[in-house]
Amino acid sequence: MPRLRTLTITACVLTALVGIGQNVFAGQEAGGAPPAPQQARPAHGRAARELQRMTARLNLTEEQQAKIYPILQERNKQLDDLRAESSLPQGEARAKATEIRKSARQQINQILTPEQREKDRAMRRGNRPKS
């Protein structure tokens, strides 16, 4: 008899956990709608994430962020367009991508202070910045 009681309680607990787990897994809260299906991330999402990382790393001002964000967006758009253009030979596409990145980096460097440029350069190379 105690064994049957234990099994019954265990079954009830597991059923409750499965029900809760389904709602949490589906992203629902008590009676909420299921989440919308995810789509491919837009270029501006990547730019925003990169800007956030740069801001944390380099302590960018709001003015710098406002100037850098459109540069990142345009760079990502150009790279996406380049990827979509299948007619270019691989070597040529790679060279063009390098040029797009280099151009964006030059524009960003003009916005950064000398200290920020040095810290960014060191971090991209994997070195610790000079304090």
N, C-alpha and C. Protein backbone atom coordinates (compact mmCIF):
# COMPACT_ATOMS: atom_id res chain seq x y z
N MET A 1 0.82 -1.20 0.00
CA MET A 1 0.00 0.00 0.00
C MET A 1 0.86 1.26 0.00
N PRO A 2 1.90 1.38 0.84
CA PRO A 2 2.74 2.58 0.80
C PRO A 2 3.43 2.74 -0.56
N ARG A 3 3.74 1.61 -1.18
CA ARG A 3 4.40 1.67 -2.48
C ARG A 3 3.46 2.25 -3.53
N LEU A 4 2.21 1.84 -3.52
CA LEU A 4 1.21 2.36 -4.44
C LEU A 4 1.02 3.85 -4.24
N ARG A 5 1.01 4.28 -3.00
CA ARG A 5 0.85 5.70 -2.67
C ARG A 5 2.04 6.48 -3.22
N THR A 6 3.24 5.96 -3.04
CA THR A 6 4.44 6.62 -3.54
C THR A 6 4.42 6.73 -5.06
N LEU A 7 4.02 5.67 -5.73
CA LEU A 7 3.93 5.68 -7.18
C LEU A 7 2.89 6.69 -7.67
N THR A 8 1.77 6.77 -6.98
CA THR A 8 0.72 7.72 -7.36
C THR A 8 1.21 9.15 -7.20
N ILE A 9 1.86 9.43 -6.10
CA ILE A 9 2.38 10.79 -5.86
C ILE A 9 3.45 11.12 -6.90
N THR A 10 4.32 10.17 -7.18
CA THR A 10 5.36 10.38 -8.17
C THR A 10 4.76 10.67 -9.54
N ALA A 11 3.73 9.91 -9.91
CA ALA A 11 3.06 10.12 -11.20
C ALA A 11 2.45 11.51 -11.27
N CYS A 12 1.82 11.95 -10.19
CA CYS A 12 1.20 13.29 -10.16
C CYS A 12 2.26 14.38 -10.29
N VAL A 13 3.37 14.22 -9.58
CA VAL A 13 4.44 15.22 -9.64
C VAL A 13 5.03 15.28 -11.04
N LEU A 14 5.30 14.13 -11.63
CA LEU A 14 5.85 14.10 -12.98
C LEU A 14 4.91 14.73 -14.00
N THR A 15 3.62 14.45 -13.87
CA THR A 15 2.63 15.03 -14.77
C THR A 15 2.63 16.55 -14.65
N ALA A 16 2.69 17.05 -13.43
CA ALA A 16 2.71 18.49 -13.20
C ALA A 16 3.98 19.10 -13.79
N LEU A 17 5.11 18.45 -13.59
CA LEU A 17 6.38 18.97 -14.12
C LEU A 17 6.39 18.98 -15.65
N VAL A 18 5.83 17.96 -16.24
CA VAL A 18 5.76 17.92 -17.71
C VAL A 18 4.90 19.07 -18.22
N GLY A 19 3.78 19.32 -17.57
CA GLY A 19 2.91 20.42 -17.98
C GLY A 19 3.60 21.77 -17.84
N ILE A 20 4.28 21.97 -16.73
CA ILE A 20 5.02 23.22 -16.52
C ILE A 20 6.14 23.34 -17.54
N GLY A 21 6.85 22.23 -17.74
CA GLY A 21 7.96 22.23 -18.68
C GLY A 21 7.53 22.57 -20.10
N GLN A 22 6.37 22.10 -20.51
CA GLN A 22 5.88 22.41 -21.86
C GLN A 22 5.63 23.90 -22.00
N ASN A 23 5.03 24.51 -20.99
CA ASN A 23 4.77 25.95 -21.06
C ASN A 23 6.07 26.74 -21.08
N VAL A 24 7.02 26.36 -20.25
CA VAL A 24 8.28 27.08 -20.20
C VAL A 24 9.04 26.88 -21.51
N PHE A 25 9.08 25.65 -21.99
CA PHE A 25 9.80 25.35 -23.22
C PHE A 25 9.19 26.09 -24.40
N ALA A 26 7.89 26.21 -24.42
CA ALA A 26 7.21 26.92 -25.51
C ALA A 26 7.27 28.43 -25.33
N GLY A 27 7.85 28.88 -24.21
CA GLY A 27 7.96 30.32 -23.97
C GLY A 27 6.66 30.93 -23.51
N GLN A 28 5.77 30.13 -22.97
CA GLN A 28 4.47 30.64 -22.56
C GLN A 28 4.44 30.81 -21.06
N GLU A 29 3.70 31.75 -20.64
CA GLU A 29 3.37 31.91 -19.24
C GLU A 29 1.87 31.71 -19.16
N ALA A 30 1.35 31.45 -18.01
CA ALA A 30 -0.06 31.15 -17.77
C ALA A 30 -0.98 31.76 -18.81
N GLY A 31 -1.32 30.98 -19.81
CA GLY A 31 -2.28 31.42 -20.82
C GLY A 31 -1.71 32.29 -21.91
N GLY A 32 -0.40 32.52 -21.94
CA GLY A 32 0.20 33.38 -22.96
C GLY A 32 0.23 32.71 -24.32
N ALA A 33 0.44 33.50 -25.33
CA ALA A 33 0.51 32.97 -26.69
C ALA A 33 1.88 32.38 -26.94
N PRO A 34 1.97 31.39 -27.82
CA PRO A 34 3.28 30.83 -28.14
C PRO A 34 4.14 31.88 -28.85
N PRO A 35 5.45 31.75 -28.76
CA PRO A 35 6.31 32.75 -29.39
C PRO A 35 6.23 32.66 -30.91
N ALA A 36 6.50 33.77 -31.55
CA ALA A 36 6.51 33.81 -33.02
C ALA A 36 7.70 33.02 -33.53
N PRO A 37 7.59 32.40 -34.68
CA PRO A 37 8.72 31.65 -35.22
C PRO A 37 9.89 32.60 -35.50
N GLN A 38 11.10 32.12 -35.24
CA GLN A 38 12.28 32.95 -35.44
C GLN A 38 12.62 33.03 -36.91
N GLN A 39 13.03 34.21 -37.32
CA GLN A 39 13.44 34.43 -38.70
C GLN A 39 14.94 34.68 -38.71
N ALA A 40 15.50 34.75 -39.88
CA ALA A 40 16.92 35.06 -39.99
C ALA A 40 17.17 36.42 -39.36
N ARG A 41 18.28 36.54 -38.67
CA ARG A 41 18.59 37.80 -38.00
C ARG A 41 18.96 38.86 -39.03
N PRO A 42 18.36 40.03 -38.91
CA PRO A 42 18.68 41.09 -39.87
C PRO A 42 20.06 41.66 -39.59
N ALA A 43 20.62 42.32 -40.60
CA ALA A 43 21.96 42.88 -40.49
C ALA A 43 22.06 43.87 -39.34
N HIS A 44 21.00 44.65 -39.10
CA HIS A 44 21.07 45.64 -38.03
C HIS A 44 21.16 44.97 -36.66
N GLY A 45 20.68 43.74 -36.53
CA GLY A 45 20.81 43.01 -35.27
C GLY A 45 22.26 42.68 -34.99
N ARG A 46 22.97 42.25 -36.02
CA ARG A 46 24.39 41.97 -35.87
C ARG A 46 25.15 43.25 -35.54
N ALA A 47 24.80 44.32 -36.21
CA ALA A 47 25.47 45.59 -35.97
C ALA A 47 25.24 46.06 -34.53
N ALA A 48 24.02 45.89 -34.05
CA ALA A 48 23.71 46.31 -32.68
C ALA A 48 24.50 45.49 -31.66
N ARG A 49 24.62 44.18 -31.91
CA ARG A 49 25.38 43.34 -30.99
C ARG A 49 26.87 43.71 -31.02
N GLU A 50 27.38 43.97 -32.21
CA GLU A 50 28.79 44.35 -32.30
C GLU A 50 29.04 45.70 -31.64
N LEU A 51 28.13 46.63 -31.83
CA LEU A 51 28.26 47.93 -31.19
C LEU A 51 28.23 47.79 -29.67
N GLN A 52 27.37 46.92 -29.19
CA GLN A 52 27.29 46.69 -27.74
C GLN A 52 28.62 46.15 -27.22
N ARG A 53 29.22 45.19 -27.93
CA ARG A 53 30.52 44.65 -27.51
C ARG A 53 31.60 45.73 -27.56
N MET A 54 31.60 46.53 -28.62
CA MET A 54 32.59 47.60 -28.73
C MET A 54 32.43 48.62 -27.62
N THR A 55 31.18 48.94 -27.30
CA THR A 55 30.91 49.91 -26.24
C THR A 55 31.45 49.39 -24.91
N ALA A 56 31.22 48.13 -24.63
CA ALA A 56 31.71 47.55 -23.38
C ALA A 56 33.24 47.50 -23.35
N ARG A 57 33.85 47.12 -24.48
CA ARG A 57 35.30 47.00 -24.55
C ARG A 57 36.01 48.35 -24.51
N LEU A 58 35.46 49.31 -25.24
CA LEU A 58 36.17 50.57 -25.46
C LEU A 58 35.56 51.76 -24.74
N ASN A 59 34.48 51.53 -24.01
CA ASN A 59 33.80 52.61 -23.29
C ASN A 59 33.43 53.75 -24.24
N LEU A 60 32.70 53.40 -25.30
CA LEU A 60 32.29 54.40 -26.30
C LEU A 60 31.29 55.38 -25.70
N THR A 61 31.39 56.62 -26.15
CA THR A 61 30.40 57.62 -25.76
C THR A 61 29.14 57.42 -26.60
N GLU A 62 28.05 58.05 -26.20
CA GLU A 62 26.82 57.96 -26.99
C GLU A 62 27.02 58.56 -28.38
N GLU A 63 27.80 59.62 -28.46
CA GLU A 63 28.07 60.25 -29.75
C GLU A 63 28.84 59.29 -30.66
N GLN A 64 29.84 58.61 -30.11
CA GLN A 64 30.60 57.64 -30.90
C GLN A 64 29.70 56.49 -31.36
N GLN A 65 28.85 56.01 -30.47
CA GLN A 65 27.93 54.93 -30.82
C GLN A 65 27.03 55.34 -31.98
N ALA A 66 26.52 56.57 -31.92
CA ALA A 66 25.62 57.06 -32.97
C ALA A 66 26.34 57.15 -34.32
N LYS A 67 27.63 57.39 -34.31
CA LYS A 67 28.39 57.49 -35.56
C LYS A 67 28.82 56.10 -36.07
N ILE A 68 29.13 55.20 -35.16
CA ILE A 68 29.66 53.89 -35.54
C ILE A 68 28.56 52.95 -36.02
N TYR A 69 27.39 53.03 -35.41
CA TYR A 69 26.30 52.10 -35.74
C TYR A 69 25.97 52.06 -37.23
N PRO A 70 25.78 53.22 -37.91
CA PRO A 70 25.48 53.16 -39.35
C PRO A 70 26.63 52.55 -40.17
N ILE A 71 27.86 52.74 -39.73
CA ILE A 71 29.00 52.15 -40.44
C ILE A 71 28.91 50.62 -40.36
N LEU A 72 28.60 50.10 -39.18
CA LEU A 72 28.47 48.66 -39.00
C LEU A 72 27.30 48.12 -39.82
N GLN A 73 26.19 48.85 -39.82
CA GLN A 73 25.03 48.42 -40.61
C GLN A 73 25.37 48.34 -42.10
N GLU A 74 26.02 49.36 -42.61
CA GLU A 74 26.36 49.40 -44.03
C GLU A 74 27.36 48.31 -44.37
N ARG A 75 28.35 48.11 -43.51
CA ARG A 75 29.32 47.04 -43.75
C ARG A 75 28.62 45.68 -43.83
N ASN A 76 27.72 45.42 -42.88
CA ASN A 76 27.00 44.14 -42.87
C ASN A 76 26.11 43.98 -44.11
N LYS A 77 25.48 45.07 -44.53
CA LYS A 77 24.64 45.01 -45.73
C LYS A 77 25.49 44.69 -46.95
N GLN A 78 26.63 45.34 -47.07
CA GLN A 78 27.52 45.08 -48.20
C GLN A 78 28.02 43.64 -48.20
N LEU A 79 28.36 43.13 -47.01
CA LEU A 79 28.83 41.74 -46.91
C LEU A 79 27.71 40.75 -47.26
N ASP A 80 26.49 41.05 -46.80
CA ASP A 80 25.35 40.19 -47.13
C ASP A 80 25.08 40.20 -48.64
N ASP A 81 25.15 41.38 -49.24
CA ASP A 81 24.95 41.49 -50.69
C ASP A 81 26.04 40.72 -51.44
N LEU A 82 27.25 40.80 -50.94
CA LEU A 82 28.36 40.09 -51.56
C LEU A 82 28.16 38.58 -51.48
N ARG A 83 27.69 38.10 -50.34
CA ARG A 83 27.43 36.66 -50.18
C ARG A 83 26.32 36.20 -51.13
N ALA A 84 25.34 37.06 -51.34
CA ALA A 84 24.22 36.71 -52.21
C ALA A 84 24.61 36.70 -53.69
N GLU A 85 25.68 37.41 -54.00
CA GLU A 85 26.14 37.49 -55.39
C GLU A 85 27.04 36.28 -55.68
N SER A 86 26.46 35.29 -56.30
CA SER A 86 27.17 34.03 -56.51
C SER A 86 28.04 34.03 -57.77
N SER A 87 28.00 35.08 -58.56
CA SER A 87 28.72 35.09 -59.82
C SER A 87 30.22 35.36 -59.65
N LEU A 88 30.62 35.92 -58.52
CA LEU A 88 32.04 36.23 -58.32
C LEU A 88 32.83 34.98 -57.96
N PRO A 89 34.04 34.85 -58.49
CA PRO A 89 34.90 33.75 -58.07
C PRO A 89 35.25 33.90 -56.59
N GLN A 90 35.52 32.79 -55.92
CA GLN A 90 35.74 32.81 -54.48
C GLN A 90 36.86 33.76 -54.06
N GLY A 91 37.97 33.73 -54.76
CA GLY A 91 39.10 34.61 -54.41
C GLY A 91 38.74 36.07 -54.53
N GLU A 92 37.99 36.40 -55.58
CA GLU A 92 37.59 37.79 -55.79
C GLU A 92 36.59 38.23 -54.71
N ALA A 93 35.67 37.36 -54.36
CA ALA A 93 34.69 37.67 -53.31
C ALA A 93 35.39 37.87 -51.98
N ARG A 94 36.37 37.02 -51.70
CA ARG A 94 37.12 37.15 -50.44
C ARG A 94 37.87 38.47 -50.38
N ALA A 95 38.50 38.85 -51.49
CA ALA A 95 39.24 40.11 -51.54
C ALA A 95 38.30 41.30 -51.35
N LYS A 96 37.12 41.23 -51.98
CA LYS A 96 36.14 42.32 -51.85
C LYS A 96 35.64 42.41 -50.41
N ALA A 97 35.41 41.27 -49.76
CA ALA A 97 34.97 41.26 -48.36
C ALA A 97 36.03 41.87 -47.46
N THR A 98 37.28 41.55 -47.73
CA THR A 98 38.39 42.14 -46.96
C THR A 98 38.41 43.65 -47.12
N GLU A 99 38.19 44.11 -48.34
CA GLU A 99 38.18 45.55 -48.60
C GLU A 99 37.01 46.24 -47.89
N ILE A 100 35.86 45.61 -47.88
CA ILE A 100 34.69 46.17 -47.18
C ILE A 100 34.98 46.30 -45.70
N ARG A 101 35.55 45.26 -45.12
CA ARG A 101 35.88 45.29 -43.68
C ARG A 101 36.95 46.35 -43.37
N LYS A 102 37.94 46.43 -44.24
CA LYS A 102 39.03 47.40 -44.05
C LYS A 102 38.49 48.83 -44.11
N SER A 103 37.62 49.08 -45.06
CA SER A 103 37.03 50.42 -45.19
C SER A 103 36.22 50.80 -43.95
N ALA A 104 35.42 49.86 -43.47
CA ALA A 104 34.63 50.12 -42.26
C ALA A 104 35.55 50.36 -41.07
N ARG A 105 36.61 49.57 -40.95
CA ARG A 105 37.55 49.72 -39.84
C ARG A 105 38.20 51.10 -39.88
N GLN A 106 38.58 51.58 -41.08
CA GLN A 106 39.19 52.90 -41.21
C GLN A 106 38.22 54.00 -40.77
N GLN A 107 36.95 53.86 -41.17
CA GLN A 107 35.95 54.85 -40.77
C GLN A 107 35.76 54.87 -39.26
N ILE A 108 35.71 53.68 -38.67
CA ILE A 108 35.52 53.58 -37.22
C ILE A 108 36.73 54.15 -36.49
N ASN A 109 37.93 53.86 -36.99
CA ASN A 109 39.14 54.37 -36.35
C ASN A 109 39.19 55.89 -36.30
N GLN A 110 38.58 56.55 -37.29
CA GLN A 110 38.53 58.00 -37.30
C GLN A 110 37.65 58.55 -36.18
N ILE A 111 36.73 57.74 -35.70
CA ILE A 111 35.81 58.15 -34.64
C ILE A 111 36.40 57.88 -33.25
N LEU A 112 37.23 56.85 -33.15
CA LEU A 112 37.79 56.47 -31.86
C LEU A 112 38.90 57.42 -31.44
N THR A 113 39.11 57.53 -30.13
CA THR A 113 40.24 58.29 -29.61
C THR A 113 41.50 57.45 -29.82
N PRO A 114 42.68 58.08 -29.76
CA PRO A 114 43.92 57.30 -29.91
C PRO A 114 44.01 56.14 -28.90
N GLU A 115 43.59 56.37 -27.67
CA GLU A 115 43.63 55.32 -26.66
C GLU A 115 42.68 54.17 -27.01
N GLN A 116 41.50 54.51 -27.49
CA GLN A 116 40.53 53.49 -27.88
C GLN A 116 41.04 52.70 -29.08
N ARG A 117 41.66 53.41 -30.05
CA ARG A 117 42.22 52.72 -31.21
C ARG A 117 43.28 51.70 -30.79
N GLU A 118 44.16 52.11 -29.90
CA GLU A 118 45.23 51.22 -29.44
C GLU A 118 44.65 50.02 -28.69
N LYS A 119 43.68 50.26 -27.84
CA LYS A 119 43.06 49.17 -27.09
C LYS A 119 42.33 48.22 -28.03
N ASP A 120 41.61 48.77 -29.01
CA ASP A 120 40.89 47.95 -29.98
C ASP A 120 41.88 47.11 -30.80
N ARG A 121 42.95 47.72 -31.26
CA ARG A 121 43.95 47.01 -32.06
C ARG A 121 44.55 45.86 -31.25
N ALA A 122 44.89 46.13 -30.00
CA ALA A 122 45.47 45.10 -29.14
C ALA A 122 44.49 43.97 -28.89
N MET A 123 43.23 44.30 -28.66
CA MET A 123 42.24 43.26 -28.38
C MET A 123 41.97 42.42 -29.63
N ARG A 124 41.95 43.04 -30.79
CA ARG A 124 41.72 42.27 -32.02
C ARG A 124 42.88 41.35 -32.32
N ARG A 125 44.07 41.73 -31.90
CA ARG A 125 45.23 40.87 -32.09
C ARG A 125 45.34 39.80 -31.00
N GLY A 126 44.51 39.91 -29.99
CA GLY A 126 44.54 38.93 -28.91
C GLY A 126 45.49 39.30 -27.80
N ASN A 127 46.02 40.52 -27.82
CA ASN A 127 46.93 40.99 -26.78
C ASN A 127 46.15 41.78 -25.75
N ARG A 128 46.69 41.87 -24.58
CA ARG A 128 46.10 42.74 -23.57
C ARG A 128 46.52 44.17 -23.86
N PRO A 129 45.58 45.11 -23.72
CA PRO A 129 45.95 46.52 -23.97
C PRO A 129 46.90 47.03 -22.89
N LYS A 130 47.69 48.01 -23.28
CA LYS A 130 48.59 48.66 -22.30
C LYS A 130 47.75 49.52 -21.38
N SER A 131 48.04 49.48 -20.09
CA SER A 131 47.25 50.26 -19.12
C SER A 131 47.82 51.62 -18.92
